[in-house]
Amino acid sequence: MRTNYPFSIEDLRSITSKYDDYEDILLKYKPHHYSIGLGVTSLCNLKCRFCYYKDPINNTSTSLDFYTIKKIISSLNNLSNISFSLEGEFFCYKDFLPVLDLASLNCDSIDITTNANKLSSNIIDSLKNYPLRSVIVSIDAADQEMYEYLRVGGKFDKVISNIRALTQTLGNEIVKLYC
């Protein structure tokens, strides 16, 4: 870990003091940016053959309560990004919209990973209200037969339709496919 830097904030201030807008320059670049990955639930609407999150012994799923999520997100200053992608299907979490509201108040951008099977036109339309950096759709196959074999309970046609709707609503630069 590097602990000695060639300049400090005070050095930067003295260098930039000849400029009237140096405070704006300093405010633009926060001293620390933090990104976190937060799995709000292990619930999932699919039973993927390759998934290592499922618990075959206990067959249990857990979710964080909203208060805990609020405490985590609110306790972090200078949070630049939250990624809802660690485990489970984000859209299976019952309070996903309040979580997105909270995240949008406390960070600059949001990433969501989804299997896109739980999405509806209302959910997709609501996503345009948030500072999304990416919506990552895990698809894992390019044809219906293989997709539905791998992602038990998934509907290939629905996912393709939702990818089109996401792209139309959010744009190509936001929607990403993971195979």
Foldseek 3Di string as FASTA:
>chain_A
DDDDDPDDVVRQCVVCVVPPCVVVVCVVDDPDEAEEEDAQKQAAQWDFPPDPSADPPVRDMDGDDPVVLLCVLVVDANYAEYEHDDHYALVVPPPSVVSQVSNQVRHNEYEYEHCQQPDDLVNLLVVLVGRYQAYEHEQPDDDQVVSCVRTPSGGNVSNVVSLVSNCVRPNPRHYHYDD
